[in-house]
Amino acid sequence: MLNHHIKLNKMELKARALQESDWETLQEWWAKWEWPEMSRDLLPLNGLGGLIVCKGDIPIVAGFLYLTNSKVAQMEWIISNKHYRGADRKDALEMLILGLEEVALSVDKNIILSIGRNTGLINMHKKLGYTVDENASYEISKKLI
């Protein structure tokens, strides 16, 4: 499902499916942003179920798409290269979100849900037509094993 190659070109930026060789980069990003290291078995397609946007050989932003047995997909774990300060950083985020939307549509999903607290990410979602509830909500989870 997310194994096909997606090319969305915008000023030298390219979005593509995550590959095995991206895993180390993602781990470095999570550490730099002081996120807990993600276990691959908690991510779609064992850590490959998403997209990454690069400018040449420089990875800029990545995210995952959980597919469900309903018409809903969940966009999650959007993470970026903390040290990339190019003027096209926002363009890369926009390309990532639009690319994940394209993947969701290609597998017959009608709605994408996402959770976020980063102002830049929230503003990008608003720009792209997402409804953002202004009331605070909480991420609720429980580790079962």
C-alpha atoms as a PDB file:
ATOM      1  CA  MET A   1       0.000   0.000   0.000  1.00  0.00           C
ATOM      2  CA  LEU A   2       2.668   2.521   0.981  1.00  0.00           C
ATOM      3  CA  ASN A   3       5.303   0.542  -0.851  1.00  0.00           C
ATOM      4  CA  HIS A   4       4.874   2.376  -4.133  1.00  0.00           C
ATOM      5  CA  HIS A   5       7.128   5.299  -4.996  1.00  0.00           C
ATOM      6  CA  ILE A   6       5.448   8.708  -4.926  1.00  0.00           C
ATOM      7  CA  LYS A   7       7.066  11.668  -6.587  1.00  0.00           C
ATOM      8  CA  LEU A   8       5.721  15.110  -5.873  1.00  0.00           C
ATOM      9  CA  ASN A   9       8.094  17.709  -7.222  1.00  0.00           C
ATOM     10  CA  LYS A  10       8.229  21.229  -5.856  1.00  0.00           C
ATOM     11  CA  MET A  11      11.418  23.253  -6.156  1.00  0.00           C
ATOM     12  CA  GLU A  12      13.829  20.293  -5.989  1.00  0.00           C
ATOM     13  CA  LEU A  13      11.917  18.609  -3.159  1.00  0.00           C
ATOM     14  CA  LYS A  14      10.919  14.982  -3.574  1.00  0.00           C
ATOM     15  CA  ALA A  15       8.605  12.843  -1.489  1.00  0.00           C
ATOM     16  CA  ARG A  16       9.151   9.097  -1.488  1.00  0.00           C
ATOM     17  CA  ALA A  17       8.188   6.039   0.494  1.00  0.00           C
ATOM     18  CA  LEU A  18      10.300   5.372   3.575  1.00  0.00           C
ATOM     19  CA  GLN A  19      13.069   2.851   3.027  1.00  0.00           C
ATOM     20  CA  GLU A  20      15.082   0.635   5.318  1.00  0.00           C
ATOM     21  CA  SER A  21      18.040   3.026   4.932  1.00  0.00           C
ATOM     22  CA  ASP A  22      15.957   5.864   6.479  1.00  0.00           C
ATOM     23  CA  TRP A  23      15.552   4.147   9.843  1.00  0.00           C
ATOM     24  CA  GLU A  24      18.825   5.425  11.295  1.00  0.00           C
ATOM     25  CA  THR A  25      17.941   8.992  10.263  1.00  0.00           C
ATOM     26  CA  LEU A  26      14.556   8.763  11.973  1.00  0.00           C
ATOM     27  CA  GLN A  27      16.173   7.500  15.169  1.00  0.00           C
ATOM     28  CA  GLU A  28      18.599  10.452  15.112  1.00  0.00           C
ATOM     29  CA  TRP A  29      15.721  12.908  14.615  1.00  0.00           C
ATOM     30  CA  TRP A  30      13.721  11.455  17.510  1.00  0.00           C
ATOM     31  CA  ALA A  31      16.783  11.787  19.758  1.00  0.00           C
ATOM     32  CA  LYS A  32      17.483  15.401  18.666  1.00  0.00           C
ATOM     33  CA  TRP A  33      13.856  16.403  19.366  1.00  0.00           C
ATOM     34  CA  GLU A  34      14.015  14.464  22.682  1.00  0.00           C
ATOM     35  CA  TRP A  35      11.198  12.143  21.671  1.00  0.00           C
ATOM     36  CA  PRO A  36      11.216   8.591  22.959  1.00  0.00           C
ATOM     37  CA  GLU A  37      12.788   6.224  20.454  1.00  0.00           C
ATOM     38  CA  MET A  38      10.007   4.549  18.514  1.00  0.00           C
ATOM     39  CA  SER A  39       9.814   0.792  18.325  1.00  0.00           C
ATOM     40  CA  ARG A  40       9.350  -0.375  14.750  1.00  0.00           C
ATOM     41  CA  ASP A  41       6.536  -2.722  15.703  1.00  0.00           C
ATOM     42  CA  LEU A  42       4.463   0.299  16.797  1.00  0.00           C
ATOM     43  CA  LEU A  43       4.735   1.932  13.385  1.00  0.00           C
ATOM     44  CA  PRO A  44       2.885   1.046  10.189  1.00  0.00           C
ATOM     45  CA  LEU A  45       4.616  -1.534   7.987  1.00  0.00           C
ATOM     46  CA  ASN A  46       7.278  -2.039  10.643  1.00  0.00           C
ATOM     47  CA  GLY A  47       8.559   1.532  10.339  1.00  0.00           C
ATOM     48  CA  LEU A  48       8.295   1.811   6.566  1.00  0.00           C
ATOM     49  CA  GLY A  49       4.647   2.874   6.302  1.00  0.00           C
ATOM     50  CA  GLY A  50       5.153   6.504   5.523  1.00  0.00           C
ATOM     51  CA  LEU A  51       6.918   9.117   3.454  1.00  0.00           C
ATOM     52  CA  ILE A  52      10.043  11.208   3.686  1.00  0.00           C
ATOM     53  CA  VAL A  53      10.694  14.475   1.869  1.00  0.00           C
ATOM     54  CA  CYS A  54      14.236  15.233   0.757  1.00  0.00           C
ATOM     55  CA  LYS A  55      16.066  17.987  -1.058  1.00  0.00           C
ATOM     56  CA  GLY A  56      18.713  16.147  -3.007  1.00  0.00           C
ATOM     57  CA  ASP A  57      20.328  13.839  -0.443  1.00  0.00           C
ATOM     58  CA  ILE A  58      19.168  15.900   2.547  1.00  0.00           C
ATOM     59  CA  PRO A  59      16.146  14.445   4.368  1.00  0.00           C
ATOM     60  CA  ILE A  60      13.906  17.199   5.757  1.00  0.00           C
ATOM     61  CA  VAL A  61      10.681  15.754   7.161  1.00  0.00           C
ATOM     62  CA  ALA A  62       8.960  12.372   7.478  1.00  0.00           C
ATOM     63  CA  GLY A  63       5.664  10.996   8.710  1.00  0.00           C
ATOM     64  CA  PHE A  64       3.643   7.806   8.953  1.00  0.00           C
ATOM     65  CA  LEU A  65       0.191   6.745   7.818  1.00  0.00           C
ATOM     66  CA  TYR A  66      -1.756   4.114   9.751  1.00  0.00           C
ATOM     67  CA  LEU A  67      -4.370   2.431   7.597  1.00  0.00           C
ATOM     68  CA  THR A  68      -7.531   1.058   9.163  1.00  0.00           C
ATOM     69  CA  ASN A  69     -10.267  -1.316   8.055  1.00  0.00           C
ATOM     70  CA  SER A  70     -12.582   1.688   7.725  1.00  0.00           C
ATOM     71  CA  LYS A  71     -12.484   4.773   5.491  1.00  0.00           C
ATOM     72  CA  VAL A  72     -10.203   6.514   8.039  1.00  0.00           C
ATOM     73  CA  ALA A  73      -6.416   6.805   8.056  1.00  0.00           C
ATOM     74  CA  GLN A  74      -4.266   8.236  10.858  1.00  0.00           C
ATOM     75  CA  MET A  75      -1.326  10.530  10.027  1.00  0.00           C
ATOM     76  CA  GLU A  76       1.191  10.379  12.844  1.00  0.00           C
ATOM     77  CA  TRP A  77       4.725  10.826  14.117  1.00  0.00           C
ATOM     78  CA  ILE A  78       5.593  13.709  11.808  1.00  0.00           C
ATOM     79  CA  ILE A  79       9.222  14.478  12.562  1.00  0.00           C
ATOM     80  CA  SER A  80      11.786  16.742  10.954  1.00  0.00           C
ATOM     81  CA  ASN A  81      15.487  17.296  10.587  1.00  0.00           C
ATOM     82  CA  LYS A  82      16.003  19.757  13.458  1.00  0.00           C
ATOM     83  CA  HIS A  83      19.086  21.243  11.843  1.00  0.00           C
ATOM     84  CA  TYR A  84      17.624  21.879   8.395  1.00  0.00           C
ATOM     85  CA  ARG A  85      16.850  25.605   8.169  1.00  0.00           C
ATOM     86  CA  GLY A  86      16.242  25.977   4.434  1.00  0.00           C
ATOM     87  CA  ALA A  87      13.601  28.430   3.260  1.00  0.00           C
ATOM     88  CA  ASP A  88      11.708  25.467   1.802  1.00  0.00           C
ATOM     89  CA  ARG A  89      11.196  23.736   5.172  1.00  0.00           C
ATOM     90  CA  LYS A  90       7.482  24.633   5.179  1.00  0.00           C
ATOM     91  CA  ASP A  91       7.184  23.504   1.553  1.00  0.00           C
ATOM     92  CA  ALA A  92       8.628  20.134   2.582  1.00  0.00           C
ATOM     93  CA  LEU A  93       6.062  19.791   5.372  1.00  0.00           C
ATOM     94  CA  GLU A  94       3.265  20.698   2.985  1.00  0.00           C
ATOM     95  CA  MET A  95       4.543  18.150   0.454  1.00  0.00           C
ATOM     96  CA  LEU A  96       4.663  15.474   3.170  1.00  0.00           C
ATOM     97  CA  ILE A  97       1.074  16.054   4.268  1.00  0.00           C
ATOM     98  CA  LEU A  98      -0.216  16.212   0.683  1.00  0.00           C
ATOM     99  CA  GLY A  99       1.743  13.057  -0.141  1.00  0.00           C
ATOM    100  CA  LEU A 100       0.217  11.186   2.797  1.00  0.00           C
ATOM    101  CA  GLU A 101      -3.201  12.413   1.636  1.00  0.00           C
ATOM    102  CA  GLU A 102      -2.464  11.029  -1.838  1.00  0.00           C
ATOM    103  CA  VAL A 103      -1.521   7.658  -0.366  1.00  0.00           C
ATOM    104  CA  ALA A 104      -4.712   7.611   1.739  1.00  0.00           C
ATOM    105  CA  LEU A 105      -6.854   8.412  -1.298  1.00  0.00           C
ATOM    106  CA  SER A 106      -5.091   5.722  -3.340  1.00  0.00           C
ATOM    107  CA  VAL A 107      -6.254   3.083  -0.835  1.00  0.00           C
ATOM    108  CA  ASP A 108      -9.825   4.412  -0.643  1.00  0.00           C
ATOM    109  CA  LYS A 109      -9.676   6.406   2.600  1.00  0.00           C
ATOM    110  CA  ASN A 110     -12.010   9.383   3.002  1.00  0.00           C
ATOM    111  CA  ILE A 111     -10.728  10.963   6.219  1.00  0.00           C
ATOM    112  CA  ILE A 112      -7.324  11.528   7.785  1.00  0.00           C
ATOM    113  CA  LEU A 113      -6.992  12.112  11.513  1.00  0.00           C
ATOM    114  CA  SER A 114      -3.897  13.548  13.147  1.00  0.00           C
ATOM    115  CA  ILE A 115      -2.714  14.649  16.573  1.00  0.00           C
ATOM    116  CA  GLY A 116      -0.327  17.518  17.089  1.00  0.00           C
ATOM    117  CA  ARG A 117       0.747  20.295  19.397  1.00  0.00           C
ATOM    118  CA  ASN A 118       3.445  21.977  17.321  1.00  0.00           C
ATOM    119  CA  THR A 119       2.171  25.382  16.164  1.00  0.00           C
ATOM    120  CA  GLY A 120       3.847  25.158  12.748  1.00  0.00           C
ATOM    121  CA  LEU A 121       2.302  21.747  12.116  1.00  0.00           C
ATOM    122  CA  ILE A 122      -1.128  22.913  13.263  1.00  0.00           C
ATOM    123  CA  ASN A 123      -0.911  26.005  11.055  1.00  0.00           C
ATOM    124  CA  MET A 124       0.073  23.890   8.046  1.00  0.00           C
ATOM    125  CA  HIS A 125      -2.921  21.636   8.626  1.00  0.00           C
ATOM    126  CA  LYS A 126      -5.164  24.702   8.758  1.00  0.00           C
ATOM    127  CA  LYS A 127      -3.640  26.012   5.520  1.00  0.00           C
ATOM    128  CA  LEU A 128      -4.415  22.688   3.838  1.00  0.00           C
ATOM    129  CA  GLY A 129      -8.067  22.730   4.907  1.00  0.00           C
ATOM    130  CA  TYR A 130      -7.982  20.533   7.995  1.00  0.00           C
ATOM    131  CA  THR A 131     -10.395  21.220  10.821  1.00  0.00           C
ATOM    132  CA  VAL A 132      -8.430  21.970  13.971  1.00  0.00           C
ATOM    133  CA  ASP A 133     -10.427  21.764  17.204  1.00  0.00           C
ATOM    134  CA  GLU A 134      -9.410  24.715  19.367  1.00  0.00           C
ATOM    135  CA  ASN A 135     -10.395  22.871  22.555  1.00  0.00           C
ATOM    136  CA  ALA A 136      -7.590  21.053  24.335  1.00  0.00           C
ATOM    137  CA  SER A 137      -7.640  17.278  24.122  1.00  0.00           C
ATOM    138  CA  TYR A 138      -5.307  14.651  25.449  1.00  0.00           C
ATOM    139  CA  GLU A 139      -3.470  11.735  23.954  1.00  0.00           C
ATOM    140  CA  ILE A 140      -4.593   8.719  25.943  1.00  0.00           C
ATOM    141  CA  SER A 141      -2.664   5.466  25.731  1.00  0.00           C
ATOM    142  CA  LYS A 142      -2.062   2.320  27.694  1.00  0.00           C
ATOM    143  CA  LYS A 143       0.734  -0.195  27.175  1.00  0.00           C
ATOM    144  CA  LEU A 144      -0.854  -3.628  27.268  1.00  0.00           C
ATOM    145  CA  ILE A 145       2.285  -5.769  27.255  1.00  0.00           C
END
